[in-house]
N, C-alpha and C. Protein backbone atom coordinates (compact mmCIF):
# COMPACT_ATOMS: atom_id res chain seq x y z
N MET A 1 -150.49 -95.67 164.43
CA MET A 1 -151.63 -96.50 164.65
C MET A 1 -152.54 -95.98 165.87
N VAL A 2 -151.80 -95.84 166.97
CA VAL A 2 -152.37 -95.31 168.07
C VAL A 2 -153.02 -93.72 167.77
N ILE A 3 -152.14 -93.07 167.10
CA ILE A 3 -152.66 -91.64 166.57
C ILE A 3 -153.75 -91.65 165.77
N GLY A 4 -154.02 -92.63 164.96
CA GLY A 4 -155.25 -92.90 164.37
C GLY A 4 -156.51 -93.14 164.84
N TYR A 5 -156.27 -94.08 165.72
CA TYR A 5 -157.48 -94.37 166.84
C TYR A 5 -157.92 -93.07 167.52
N LEU A 6 -156.92 -92.24 168.13
CA LEU A 6 -157.27 -91.13 168.82
C LEU A 6 -157.84 -90.05 167.95
N VAL A 7 -157.50 -89.89 166.80
CA VAL A 7 -157.88 -88.94 165.95
C VAL A 7 -159.35 -89.31 165.46
N LEU A 8 -159.70 -90.67 165.19
CA LEU A 8 -161.03 -91.08 164.89
C LEU A 8 -161.89 -90.72 166.08
N PHE A 9 -161.38 -91.13 167.24
CA PHE A 9 -162.26 -90.91 168.49
C PHE A 9 -162.71 -89.47 168.55
N MET A 10 -161.67 -88.67 168.34
CA MET A 10 -161.82 -86.89 168.71
C MET A 10 -162.92 -86.63 167.44
N LEU A 11 -162.71 -87.35 166.25
CA LEU A 11 -163.59 -86.90 165.10
C LEU A 11 -165.06 -87.23 165.49
N MET A 12 -165.03 -88.34 165.98
CA MET A 12 -166.59 -88.85 166.44
C MET A 12 -166.99 -88.09 167.41
N MET A 13 -166.19 -87.72 168.51
CA MET A 13 -166.88 -86.65 169.27
C MET A 13 -167.11 -85.34 168.80
N TRP A 14 -166.53 -84.87 167.87
CA TRP A 14 -166.80 -83.46 167.50
C TRP A 14 -168.00 -83.73 166.62
N LEU A 15 -167.99 -84.76 165.77
CA LEU A 15 -169.16 -85.01 164.75
C LEU A 15 -170.41 -85.08 165.66
N GLY A 16 -170.35 -85.75 166.80
CA GLY A 16 -171.68 -86.21 167.52
C GLY A 16 -172.10 -84.87 168.12
N GLN A 17 -170.98 -83.99 168.59
CA GLN A 17 -171.56 -82.70 169.37
C GLN A 17 -172.24 -81.83 168.26
N SER A 18 -171.48 -81.56 167.05
CA SER A 18 -172.31 -80.70 166.10
C SER A 18 -173.60 -81.00 165.55
N VAL A 19 -173.67 -82.28 165.39
CA VAL A 19 -175.01 -82.70 164.82
C VAL A 19 -176.14 -82.82 166.00
N CYS A 20 -175.56 -83.11 167.33
CA CYS A 20 -176.68 -82.94 168.24
C CYS A 20 -177.04 -81.57 168.61
N GLN A 21 -176.15 -80.77 168.42
CA GLN A 21 -176.55 -79.20 168.81
C GLN A 21 -177.25 -78.60 167.44
N TYR A 22 -177.23 -79.19 166.26
CA TYR A 22 -178.16 -78.86 165.09
C TYR A 22 -179.55 -79.35 165.53
N CYS A 23 -179.52 -80.86 166.09
CA CYS A 23 -180.83 -81.36 166.18
C CYS A 23 -181.61 -80.59 167.30
N ILE A 24 -180.88 -80.24 168.36
CA ILE A 24 -181.63 -79.76 169.47
C ILE A 24 -182.15 -78.39 169.12
N LYS A 25 -181.14 -77.63 168.24
CA LYS A 25 -181.65 -76.27 167.72
C LYS A 25 -183.01 -76.35 166.93
N SER A 26 -183.07 -77.31 166.11
CA SER A 26 -184.38 -77.55 165.28
C SER A 26 -185.29 -78.30 166.07
N GLN A 27 -185.35 -78.29 167.32
CA GLN A 27 -186.63 -79.49 168.11
C GLN A 27 -186.69 -80.72 167.57
N ARG A 28 -185.47 -81.42 167.37
CA ARG A 28 -185.58 -82.77 166.96
C ARG A 28 -184.93 -83.52 168.21
N GLN A 29 -185.20 -83.56 169.18
CA GLN A 29 -184.72 -84.19 170.45
C GLN A 29 -184.51 -85.53 170.27
N THR A 30 -185.60 -86.37 169.63
CA THR A 30 -185.71 -87.61 169.48
C THR A 30 -184.27 -88.11 168.49
N LEU A 31 -184.24 -87.34 167.64
CA LEU A 31 -183.17 -87.53 166.68
C LEU A 31 -181.74 -87.31 167.21
N ALA A 32 -181.73 -86.24 168.10
CA ALA A 32 -180.46 -86.01 168.74
C ALA A 32 -180.03 -87.15 169.63
N TYR A 33 -181.20 -87.82 170.66
CA TYR A 33 -180.78 -88.92 171.29
C TYR A 33 -180.24 -90.19 170.47
N LEU A 34 -181.02 -90.39 169.38
CA LEU A 34 -180.74 -91.44 168.44
C LEU A 34 -179.35 -91.20 168.03
N TRP A 35 -178.98 -90.06 167.50
CA TRP A 35 -177.76 -89.76 166.95
C TRP A 35 -176.51 -89.95 168.16
N MET A 36 -176.84 -89.57 169.36
CA MET A 36 -175.89 -89.63 170.58
C MET A 36 -175.53 -91.10 170.88
N MET A 37 -176.63 -91.93 170.54
CA MET A 37 -176.51 -93.61 171.14
C MET A 37 -175.82 -94.13 169.88
N LEU A 38 -175.92 -93.62 168.56
CA LEU A 38 -175.14 -94.03 167.36
C LEU A 38 -173.63 -94.03 167.62
N VAL A 39 -173.45 -92.48 168.02
CA VAL A 39 -171.97 -92.07 168.21
C VAL A 39 -171.61 -92.88 169.39
N LEU A 40 -172.06 -92.89 170.42
CA LEU A 40 -171.28 -93.78 171.67
C LEU A 40 -171.11 -95.15 171.35
N ILE A 41 -171.97 -95.77 170.44
CA ILE A 41 -171.80 -97.26 170.20
C ILE A 41 -170.66 -96.98 169.21
N ILE A 42 -170.41 -96.29 168.29
CA ILE A 42 -169.36 -96.27 167.43
C ILE A 42 -167.76 -95.95 168.24
N GLN A 43 -168.05 -95.08 169.21
CA GLN A 43 -167.10 -94.80 170.14
C GLN A 43 -166.40 -95.98 170.84
N GLY A 44 -167.42 -96.76 171.34
CA GLY A 44 -167.27 -97.84 171.79
C GLY A 44 -166.52 -99.15 171.09
N VAL A 45 -166.89 -99.10 169.86
CA VAL A 45 -166.12 -100.23 168.96
C VAL A 45 -164.65 -99.66 168.90
N ILE A 46 -164.59 -98.30 168.72
CA ILE A 46 -163.17 -97.66 168.57
C ILE A 46 -162.54 -98.14 169.56
N ILE A 47 -162.99 -97.83 170.79
CA ILE A 47 -162.23 -98.01 172.14
C ILE A 47 -161.76 -99.64 172.16
N TYR A 48 -162.87 -100.38 171.99
CA TYR A 48 -162.64 -101.84 171.90
C TYR A 48 -161.45 -102.37 170.89
N ILE A 49 -161.34 -101.81 169.73
CA ILE A 49 -160.38 -102.18 168.68
C ILE A 49 -158.90 -101.53 169.29
N PHE A 50 -159.01 -100.49 169.78
CA PHE A 50 -157.80 -99.81 170.33
C PHE A 50 -157.14 -100.59 171.26
N VAL A 51 -158.10 -100.86 172.30
CA VAL A 51 -157.44 -101.64 173.39
C VAL A 51 -156.97 -103.00 173.04
N GLU A 52 -157.71 -103.73 172.12
CA GLU A 52 -157.27 -104.93 171.78
C GLU A 52 -155.91 -104.86 170.75
N GLN A 53 -155.75 -103.88 170.05
CA GLN A 53 -154.47 -103.55 169.42
C GLN A 53 -153.44 -103.31 170.34
N LEU A 54 -153.71 -102.44 171.42
CA LEU A 54 -152.74 -102.23 172.48
C LEU A 54 -152.35 -103.38 173.23
N VAL A 55 -153.27 -104.32 173.52
CA VAL A 55 -152.93 -105.57 174.16
C VAL A 55 -152.05 -106.49 173.38
N LEU A 56 -152.24 -106.53 172.06
CA LEU A 56 -151.50 -107.35 171.26
C LEU A 56 -150.01 -106.77 170.95
N ASP A 57 -149.75 -105.41 171.06
CA ASP A 57 -148.71 -104.96 170.77
C ASP A 57 -147.82 -104.95 172.15
N VAL A 58 -148.39 -104.81 173.33
CA VAL A 58 -147.76 -105.21 174.71
C VAL A 58 -147.46 -106.61 174.70
N ASN A 59 -148.43 -107.42 174.28
CA ASN A 59 -147.83 -108.82 174.22
C ASN A 59 -146.56 -109.17 173.43
N ASN A 60 -146.59 -108.63 172.40
CA ASN A 60 -145.38 -108.68 171.44
C ASN A 60 -144.09 -108.33 172.04
N ILE A 61 -144.21 -107.15 172.62
CA ILE A 61 -143.16 -106.42 173.23
C ILE A 61 -142.62 -107.45 174.49
N LEU A 62 -143.64 -107.70 175.26
CA LEU A 62 -143.13 -108.67 176.47
C LEU A 62 -142.57 -109.93 176.11
N GLN A 63 -142.97 -110.76 175.00
CA GLN A 63 -142.84 -112.02 174.51
C GLN A 63 -141.24 -111.72 173.89
N SER A 64 -140.86 -110.57 173.36
CA SER A 64 -139.38 -110.32 173.10
C SER A 64 -138.37 -110.44 174.35
N PHE A 65 -139.04 -110.10 175.58
CA PHE A 65 -138.02 -110.17 176.53
C PHE A 65 -138.09 -111.49 177.23
N TYR A 66 -139.35 -112.02 177.36
CA TYR A 66 -139.46 -113.53 178.16
C TYR A 66 -139.83 -114.32 177.25
N HIS A 67 -139.02 -114.64 176.30
CA HIS A 67 -139.16 -116.04 175.45
C HIS A 67 -138.87 -117.20 176.07
N GLU A 68 -139.71 -118.26 175.80
CA GLU A 68 -139.25 -119.56 176.30
C GLU A 68 -138.66 -120.21 175.07
N ASN A 69 -137.62 -121.11 175.52
CA ASN A 69 -136.92 -122.09 174.56
C ASN A 69 -137.84 -123.30 174.42
């Protein structure tokens, strides 16, 4: 699951860079800025979901060692 989040994050980085380079070459700087904003928002959501899943997994591991009766 962790690998999936990392691959998705890297894919978004690559996609954002390639589209922005195309937009800048074709003199569409406003579109490039909007695209980068969208990519950064999507990456933020990916990081948020990744950290949330990581916290749940660590919590489950710790509960197996420190369970209360």
